[in-house]
């Protein structure tokens, strides 16, 4: 016999002056560091810009991917946390603006294949020139962001319209849209990863590089969603609509993608090591010498072994402070992963941290937080007119 579920309207989310101040302060610090860095060390500044940009753009894209999977499978358990993932995707229009800045001003500092003189004296870059050239790069980037933003508006727009009309057909219409987004995302995100990160070392290639980045981004998305939900619950805004069972399931996703990331990372390394081809091993050679070896080992322990062991117990996924701490830790390890992917291409022997790697991504975090909290403050925290909401609230985890 199903227990009686009483559903009350959630309290509205208030984008307080304090939160706005924090977002503004982070954005201001990032902007100052960026402007100062362009004068002092332009190359390192753009590297930090790329690291923050790729992290937060991936967060939005993967959030849409998660939403598309929920709509495609008609999932009921996640209905009451759907708005959280929609808010995490609200950064995409800002991301498109940052992409324009990166493509027009930062790309020449980052990508060797944009230098005609280097390409002219490099047979392999000459061979890749039909793909790795400025015009095609700009066209691809425009297609990707136009597609992502259009899908985002559809996936989020129908959900918000349902809050007004209560029409369940609006959500059912998202099933074919979700299929379209998953196909488009799979292709575009892989190419986006190649364009922005893999082509930093244009002689190197990996057929599962996009999957590797997807695994890490999905892991950090679950961590970010857990932190946001715990924050909203702490403020008492969900009014019992979200329970520890929902957070527990997100914790299982977090554990699962911790393992998935490690599996893809090992697969990529093992196949390249076994084949022992110079055009492939160059990537890991750069990351196996000097202080980069310690960063590589740090990824193994901090991004996989430690989170894996800490998340294994059932209680770990049902203890808010404990799970929140691990989630914050995992987000930091994703930045470490991106640092490991970007910086050895410019300094093969020394892993040096500076304020650029901290403040410039913090500036983007302020912009991301502004977009996210603005979205939450303008819309209901829970899609109250979705007919599956009662089943979502009654969701229970038995393992």
Protein backbone atom coordinates (compact mmCIF):
# COMPACT_ATOMS: atom_id res chain seq x y z
CA UNK A 1 0.00 0.00 0.00
CA UNK A 2 1.48 3.32 -1.09
CA UNK A 3 1.90 5.84 1.71
CA UNK A 4 0.08 9.15 1.50
CA UNK A 5 2.21 11.88 -0.06
CA UNK A 6 1.41 15.49 0.68
CA UNK A 7 2.86 17.89 -1.89
CA UNK A 8 3.24 21.55 -1.02
CA UNK A 9 4.42 24.31 -3.31
CA UNK A 10 8.15 24.93 -2.85
CA UNK A 11 9.30 28.21 -1.44
CA UNK A 12 10.74 30.53 -4.10
CA UNK A 13 14.48 30.79 -4.46
CA UNK A 14 15.71 34.29 -3.60
CA UNK A 15 18.82 35.47 -5.40
CA UNK A 16 19.97 37.43 -2.37
CA UNK A 17 22.24 40.47 -2.34
CA UNK A 18 24.83 38.30 -0.59
CA UNK A 19 24.84 35.72 -3.41
CA UNK A 20 24.92 38.46 -6.03
CA UNK A 21 27.82 40.04 -4.21
CA UNK A 22 29.77 36.78 -4.15
CA UNK A 23 29.17 36.22 -7.88
CA UNK A 24 30.13 39.81 -8.66
CA UNK A 25 33.28 39.62 -6.51
CA UNK A 26 34.39 36.39 -8.21
CA UNK A 27 33.69 37.87 -11.63
CA UNK A 28 35.59 41.06 -10.81
CA UNK A 29 38.62 39.16 -9.49
CA UNK A 30 38.63 36.97 -12.61
CA UNK A 31 38.40 39.99 -14.90
CA UNK A 32 41.23 41.82 -13.13
CA UNK A 33 43.43 38.70 -13.24
CA UNK A 34 42.62 38.25 -16.93
CA UNK A 35 43.44 41.84 -17.91
CA UNK A 36 46.59 41.86 -15.79
CA UNK A 37 47.63 38.48 -17.17
CA UNK A 38 47.30 39.58 -20.79
CA UNK A 39 49.96 42.22 -20.13
CA UNK A 40 52.28 40.03 -18.05
CA UNK A 41 51.95 36.52 -19.53
CA UNK A 42 49.40 36.26 -22.35
CA UNK A 43 50.02 32.58 -23.10
CA UNK A 44 49.46 31.41 -19.51
CA UNK A 45 46.43 33.69 -19.18
CA UNK A 46 44.75 32.12 -22.18
CA UNK A 47 45.59 28.66 -20.87
CA UNK A 48 43.77 29.48 -17.63
CA UNK A 49 40.91 30.98 -19.64
CA UNK A 50 40.64 27.75 -21.66
CA UNK A 51 40.65 25.61 -18.51
CA UNK A 52 37.80 27.52 -16.87
CA UNK A 53 35.86 27.91 -20.09
CA UNK A 54 35.98 24.22 -20.94
CA UNK A 55 35.00 23.19 -17.40
CA UNK A 56 31.88 25.33 -17.17
CA UNK A 57 30.82 24.82 -20.79
CA UNK A 58 31.08 21.06 -20.30
CA UNK A 59 29.01 21.35 -17.13
CA UNK A 60 26.15 22.97 -19.07
CA UNK A 61 26.34 20.56 -22.00
CA UNK A 62 26.48 17.44 -19.82
CA UNK A 63 23.58 18.79 -17.75
CA UNK A 64 21.49 18.96 -20.92
CA UNK A 65 22.64 15.43 -21.73
CA UNK A 66 21.37 14.23 -18.36
CA UNK A 67 18.04 16.00 -18.92
CA UNK A 68 17.72 14.44 -22.38
CA UNK A 69 18.29 10.96 -20.93
CA UNK A 70 15.60 11.56 -18.29
CA UNK A 71 13.08 12.69 -20.91
CA UNK A 72 14.00 9.89 -23.30
CA UNK A 73 13.44 7.21 -20.67
CA UNK A 74 10.40 8.98 -19.12
CA UNK A 75 12.18 8.76 -15.77
CA UNK A 76 10.00 9.56 -12.77
CA UNK A 77 12.52 9.62 -9.91
CA UNK A 78 14.27 12.75 -11.22
CA UNK A 79 11.23 14.96 -11.94
CA UNK A 80 11.53 16.96 -8.73
CA UNK A 81 15.25 17.71 -9.28
CA UNK A 82 14.87 18.49 -13.00
CA UNK A 83 14.96 22.24 -12.43
CA UNK A 84 18.38 21.94 -10.79
CA UNK A 85 19.88 20.46 -13.95
CA UNK A 86 18.08 23.02 -16.09
CA UNK A 87 19.71 25.78 -14.03
CA UNK A 88 23.15 24.25 -14.57
CA UNK A 89 22.56 24.54 -18.32
CA UNK A 90 21.65 28.25 -18.11
CA UNK A 91 25.29 29.25 -18.62
CA UNK A 92 25.33 28.31 -22.34
CA UNK A 93 24.53 31.80 -23.78
CA UNK A 94 27.35 33.27 -21.67
CA UNK A 95 29.59 30.43 -22.80
CA UNK A 96 28.90 31.33 -26.44
CA UNK A 97 30.11 34.88 -25.74
CA UNK A 98 33.28 33.54 -24.08
CA UNK A 99 33.84 31.26 -27.07
CA UNK A 100 33.83 34.27 -29.39
CA UNK A 101 36.51 35.91 -27.23
CA UNK A 102 38.57 32.72 -27.18
CA UNK A 103 38.26 32.04 -30.91
CA UNK A 104 39.05 35.60 -32.04
CA UNK A 105 41.72 36.62 -29.54
CA UNK A 106 43.01 33.64 -27.57
CA UNK A 107 43.32 30.93 -30.21
CA UNK A 108 46.53 32.31 -31.84
CA UNK A 109 48.25 32.09 -28.41
CA UNK A 110 47.17 28.48 -27.91
CA UNK A 111 47.16 26.59 -31.19
CA UNK A 112 50.26 25.99 -33.32
CA UNK A 113 48.17 24.99 -36.31
CA UNK A 114 46.93 28.58 -36.65
CA UNK A 115 50.46 29.75 -37.50
CA UNK A 116 50.97 29.44 -41.31
CA UNK A 117 54.74 29.41 -40.92
CA UNK A 118 54.72 26.43 -38.54
CA UNK A 119 52.24 24.54 -40.73
CA UNK A 120 54.33 25.15 -43.85
CA UNK A 121 57.34 23.39 -42.27
CA UNK A 122 55.44 20.52 -40.64
CA UNK A 123 54.29 17.68 -42.93
CA UNK A 124 51.77 16.27 -40.43
CA UNK A 125 50.17 19.67 -39.76
CA UNK A 126 50.03 20.23 -43.50
CA UNK A 127 48.19 16.92 -43.84
CA UNK A 128 45.69 17.97 -41.14
CA UNK A 129 45.23 21.48 -42.50
CA UNK A 130 41.88 20.77 -44.24
CA UNK A 131 40.41 20.25 -40.76
CA UNK A 132 42.72 22.30 -38.54
CA UNK A 133 42.37 25.74 -40.07
CA UNK A 134 40.93 28.96 -38.72
CA UNK A 135 37.93 29.25 -41.07
CA UNK A 136 36.66 25.72 -40.48
CA UNK A 137 37.35 26.07 -36.74
CA UNK A 138 35.12 29.17 -36.55
CA UNK A 139 32.40 27.51 -38.63
CA UNK A 140 32.40 24.40 -36.44
CA UNK A 141 32.29 26.46 -33.26
CA UNK A 142 29.34 28.50 -34.56
CA UNK A 143 27.43 25.34 -35.57
CA UNK A 144 28.07 23.72 -32.19
CA UNK A 145 26.90 26.66 -30.08
CA UNK A 146 23.88 27.46 -32.23
CA UNK A 147 22.82 23.81 -32.01
CA UNK A 148 23.44 23.56 -28.27
CA UNK A 149 21.54 26.76 -27.47
CA UNK A 150 18.57 25.78 -29.67
CA UNK A 151 18.34 22.36 -28.01
CA UNK A 152 18.72 23.98 -24.60
CA UNK A 153 15.84 26.36 -25.24
CA UNK A 154 13.61 23.51 -26.37
CA UNK A 155 14.48 21.12 -23.52
CA UNK A 156 14.18 23.83 -20.88
CA UNK A 157 11.39 25.82 -22.55
CA UNK A 158 8.86 22.98 -22.68
CA UNK A 159 9.55 22.17 -19.05
CA UNK A 160 8.88 25.77 -18.01
CA UNK A 161 5.76 25.98 -20.19
CA UNK A 162 4.38 22.95 -18.37
CA UNK A 163 4.59 24.96 -15.13
CA UNK A 164 2.05 27.33 -16.67
CA UNK A 165 -0.27 24.99 -18.57
CA UNK A 166 0.12 21.60 -16.87
CA UNK A 167 0.11 20.04 -20.35
CA UNK A 168 1.95 16.71 -20.13
CA UNK A 169 2.23 16.52 -23.94
CA UNK A 170 4.89 19.25 -23.71
CA UNK A 171 7.19 16.79 -21.95
CA UNK A 172 6.28 13.90 -24.24
CA UNK A 173 7.25 16.06 -27.22
CA UNK A 174 10.75 16.24 -25.76
CA UNK A 175 11.41 12.55 -26.44
CA UNK A 176 12.36 13.06 -30.13
CA UNK A 177 14.14 16.30 -29.18
CA UNK A 178 16.16 14.34 -26.63
CA UNK A 179 17.14 11.77 -29.24
CA UNK A 180 18.26 14.60 -31.51
CA UNK A 181 20.29 16.26 -28.77
CA UNK A 182 22.02 13.02 -27.74
CA UNK A 183 23.11 12.38 -31.34
CA UNK A 184 24.18 15.99 -31.87
CA UNK A 185 25.93 16.17 -28.50
CA UNK A 186 27.86 12.94 -29.07
CA UNK A 187 29.34 14.21 -32.34
CA UNK A 188 29.74 17.87 -31.43
CA UNK A 189 31.25 17.38 -27.97
CA UNK A 190 33.84 14.95 -29.33
CA UNK A 191 34.86 17.41 -32.06
CA UNK A 192 34.71 20.30 -29.57
CA UNK A 193 37.13 18.38 -27.34
CA UNK A 194 39.45 17.76 -30.26
CA UNK A 195 39.36 21.41 -31.34
CA UNK A 196 39.96 22.98 -27.95
CA UNK A 197 42.11 20.46 -26.07
CA UNK A 198 43.52 17.65 -28.20
CA UNK A 199 44.75 20.02 -30.92
CA UNK A 200 46.95 21.77 -28.35
CA UNK A 201 49.31 18.92 -29.27
CA UNK A 202 48.30 18.62 -32.95
CA UNK A 203 50.60 15.67 -33.65
CA UNK A 204 48.80 13.52 -31.08
CA UNK A 205 45.46 11.79 -31.42
CA UNK A 206 43.19 9.49 -29.43
CA UNK A 207 39.95 7.94 -30.62
CA UNK A 208 38.37 8.03 -27.13
CA UNK A 209 39.50 11.49 -26.04
CA UNK A 210 35.94 12.84 -26.16
CA UNK A 211 34.69 9.91 -24.08
CA UNK A 212 37.46 10.54 -21.53
CA UNK A 213 36.37 14.17 -21.15
CA UNK A 214 32.70 13.15 -21.01
CA UNK A 215 33.43 10.80 -18.10
CA UNK A 216 35.22 13.47 -16.09
CA UNK A 217 32.60 16.12 -16.88
CA UNK A 218 29.74 13.78 -15.90
CA UNK A 219 31.50 13.04 -12.63
CA UNK A 220 31.87 16.75 -11.84
CA UNK A 221 28.27 17.44 -12.95
CA UNK A 222 26.92 14.98 -10.39
CA UNK A 223 29.13 16.57 -7.74
CA UNK A 224 27.86 20.07 -8.64
CA UNK A 225 24.21 18.90 -8.66
CA UNK A 226 24.63 17.31 -5.22
CA UNK A 227 26.15 20.50 -3.81
CA UNK A 228 23.39 22.69 -5.26
CA UNK A 229 20.60 20.39 -4.02
CA UNK A 230 22.17 20.20 -0.54
CA UNK A 231 22.38 24.01 -0.48
CA UNK A 232 18.72 24.40 -1.46
CA UNK A 233 17.66 21.74 1.07
CA UNK A 234 19.67 23.48 3.80
CA UNK A 235 17.72 26.67 3.13
CA UNK A 236 14.49 24.66 3.51
CA UNK A 237 13.20 25.58 0.06
CA UNK A 238 12.27 22.13 -1.21
CA UNK A 239 9.64 21.60 1.53
CA UNK A 240 10.19 17.83 1.63
CA UNK A 241 9.90 17.47 -2.15
CA UNK A 242 13.48 16.22 -2.40
CA UNK A 243 14.62 13.52 0.01
CA UNK A 244 17.86 11.73 0.86
CA UNK A 245 16.77 8.98 -1.53
CA UNK A 246 17.21 11.35 -4.48
CA UNK A 247 20.58 12.51 -3.18
CA UNK A 248 21.53 8.87 -2.62
CA UNK A 249 20.84 8.12 -6.28
CA UNK A 250 22.97 11.07 -7.37
CA UNK A 251 25.69 9.73 -5.08
CA UNK A 252 25.51 6.42 -6.93
CA UNK A 253 25.87 8.26 -10.21
CA UNK A 254 28.88 10.04 -8.72
CA UNK A 255 30.47 6.74 -7.74
CA UNK A 256 29.59 5.16 -11.08
CA UNK A 257 31.18 7.92 -13.16
CA UNK A 258 34.23 7.93 -10.90
CA UNK A 259 34.75 4.33 -12.02
CA UNK A 260 33.79 5.12 -15.62
CA UNK A 261 36.35 7.93 -15.85
CA UNK A 262 39.07 5.65 -14.46
CA UNK A 263 38.13 2.88 -16.90
CA UNK A 264 38.35 5.19 -19.93
CA UNK A 265 41.59 6.76 -18.64
CA UNK A 266 43.17 3.33 -18.20
CA UNK A 267 41.91 2.14 -21.58
CA UNK A 268 43.40 5.16 -23.32
CA UNK A 269 46.74 4.76 -21.55
CA UNK A 270 46.95 0.98 -21.92
CA UNK A 271 46.23 0.94 -25.67
CA UNK A 272 48.75 3.71 -26.37
CA UNK A 273 51.39 2.05 -24.17
CA UNK A 274 50.81 -1.34 -25.83
CA UNK A 275 50.95 0.02 -29.39
CA UNK A 276 54.04 2.15 -28.55
CA UNK A 277 53.63 4.42 -31.59
CA UNK A 278 55.62 7.70 -31.34
CA UNK A 279 52.71 9.85 -32.61
CA UNK A 280 50.59 8.53 -29.72
CA UNK A 281 53.10 8.12 -26.88
CA UNK A 282 54.18 11.77 -27.08
CA UNK A 283 51.15 12.74 -24.99
CA UNK A 284 52.07 10.53 -22.04
CA UNK A 285 55.82 11.13 -22.39
CA UNK A 286 55.26 14.81 -21.60
CA UNK A 287 53.25 13.86 -18.53
CA UNK A 288 55.72 11.28 -17.23
CA UNK A 289 58.75 13.52 -16.70
CA UNK A 290 59.69 16.17 -14.17
CA UNK A 291 57.01 17.40 -11.82
CA UNK A 292 54.30 16.33 -14.27
CA UNK A 293 54.75 12.76 -13.04
CA UNK A 294 53.47 13.87 -9.63
CA UNK A 295 50.42 15.51 -11.20
CA UNK A 296 49.73 12.29 -13.13
CA UNK A 297 49.95 10.23 -9.95
CA UNK A 298 47.83 12.82 -8.16
CA UNK A 299 45.05 12.30 -10.69
CA UNK A 300 45.14 8.56 -10.11
CA UNK A 301 44.79 8.92 -6.36
CA UNK A 302 42.67 12.06 -5.98
CA UNK A 303 40.27 11.61 -8.90
CA UNK A 304 39.76 7.87 -8.65
CA UNK A 305 41.16 5.86 -5.73
CA UNK A 306 40.26 8.20 -2.87
CA UNK A 307 36.72 9.16 -4.09
CA UNK A 308 36.03 5.52 -5.00
CA UNK A 309 36.88 4.26 -1.52
CA UNK A 310 35.11 7.13 0.23
CA UNK A 311 31.89 6.68 -1.78
CA UNK A 312 31.61 2.89 -1.47
CA UNK A 313 29.63 2.63 1.81
CA UNK A 314 25.86 3.10 1.64
CA UNK A 315 25.94 5.64 4.48
CA UNK A 316 28.43 7.77 2.54
CA UNK A 317 25.75 8.58 -0.03
CA UNK A 318 23.19 9.42 2.66
CA UNK A 319 25.26 11.73 4.87
CA UNK A 320 24.89 15.30 3.51
CA UNK A 321 28.03 16.93 4.93
CA UNK A 322 30.21 13.97 4.08
CA UNK A 323 28.84 13.64 0.54
CA UNK A 324 29.05 17.40 0.01
CA UNK A 325 32.71 17.46 1.02
CA UNK A 326 33.57 14.65 -1.40
CA UNK A 327 31.59 16.40 -4.16
CA UNK A 328 33.54 19.64 -3.67
CA UNK A 329 36.77 17.65 -3.70
CA UNK A 330 35.81 15.95 -6.98
CA UNK A 331 35.11 19.31 -8.65
CA UNK A 332 38.63 20.42 -7.73
CA UNK A 333 40.08 17.22 -9.22
CA UNK A 334 38.30 17.98 -12.50
CA UNK A 335 40.17 21.26 -12.67
CA UNK A 336 43.35 19.30 -11.95
CA UNK A 337 42.52 16.99 -14.84
CA UNK A 338 42.04 19.91 -17.23
CA UNK A 339 45.27 21.48 -15.96
CA UNK A 340 47.02 18.17 -16.72
CA UNK A 341 45.54 18.12 -20.22
CA UNK A 342 46.40 21.73 -21.13
CA UNK A 343 49.59 22.93 -19.48
CA UNK A 344 52.17 20.23 -20.40
CA UNK A 345 51.70 21.27 -24.03
CA UNK A 346 53.39 24.57 -23.17
CA UNK A 347 55.88 23.51 -20.47
CA UNK A 348 56.96 19.88 -20.77
CA UNK A 349 59.01 19.68 -17.57
CA UNK A 350 57.55 21.93 -14.87
CA UNK A 351 54.09 21.92 -13.31
CA UNK A 352 53.82 25.43 -11.90
CA UNK A 353 50.67 26.84 -10.30
CA UNK A 354 49.98 30.56 -10.22
CA UNK A 355 47.13 32.91 -9.39
CA UNK A 356 46.02 32.78 -13.05
CA UNK A 357 44.84 29.17 -12.64
CA UNK A 358 42.83 30.18 -9.59
CA UNK A 359 41.40 33.61 -10.25
CA UNK A 360 40.46 33.36 -13.95
CA UNK A 361 38.36 30.16 -13.45
CA UNK A 362 36.92 31.80 -10.32
CA UNK A 363 35.76 34.68 -12.50
CA UNK A 364 33.95 32.23 -14.75
CA UNK A 365 32.53 30.53 -11.64
CA UNK A 366 31.01 33.89 -10.70
CA UNK A 367 29.40 34.20 -14.13
CA UNK A 368 28.22 30.57 -13.99
CA UNK A 369 26.75 31.12 -10.52
CA UNK A 370 24.97 34.28 -11.67
CA UNK A 371 23.34 32.44 -14.61
CA UNK A 372 22.37 29.48 -12.41
CA UNK A 373 20.91 31.45 -9.48
CA UNK A 374 19.16 33.89 -11.81
CA UNK A 375 17.42 30.96 -13.49
CA UNK A 376 16.38 29.43 -10.15
CA UNK A 377 15.02 32.75 -8.87
CA UNK A 378 12.85 33.28 -11.95
CA UNK A 379 11.28 29.81 -12.02
CA UNK A 380 9.68 27.34 -9.65
CA UNK A 381 12.24 25.05 -8.00
CA UNK A 382 10.08 22.03 -8.81
CA UNK A 383 7.83 21.35 -11.85
CA UNK A 384 4.66 21.21 -9.76
CA UNK A 385 2.29 20.47 -12.67
CA UNK A 386 4.15 17.42 -13.92
CA UNK A 387 1.81 14.44 -13.34
CA UNK A 388 4.76 12.24 -12.36
CA UNK A 389 5.75 14.48 -9.47
CA UNK A 390 3.97 12.40 -6.81
CA UNK A 391 5.86 9.27 -7.90
CA UNK A 392 9.08 11.25 -7.84
CA UNK A 393 8.48 12.45 -4.28
CA UNK A 394 7.64 8.88 -3.21
CA UNK A 395 10.89 7.55 -4.69
CA UNK A 396 12.72 5.19 -2.34
CA UNK A 397 16.17 3.62 -2.58
CA UNK A 398 16.37 0.03 -1.35
CA UNK A 399 20.07 -0.64 -2.01
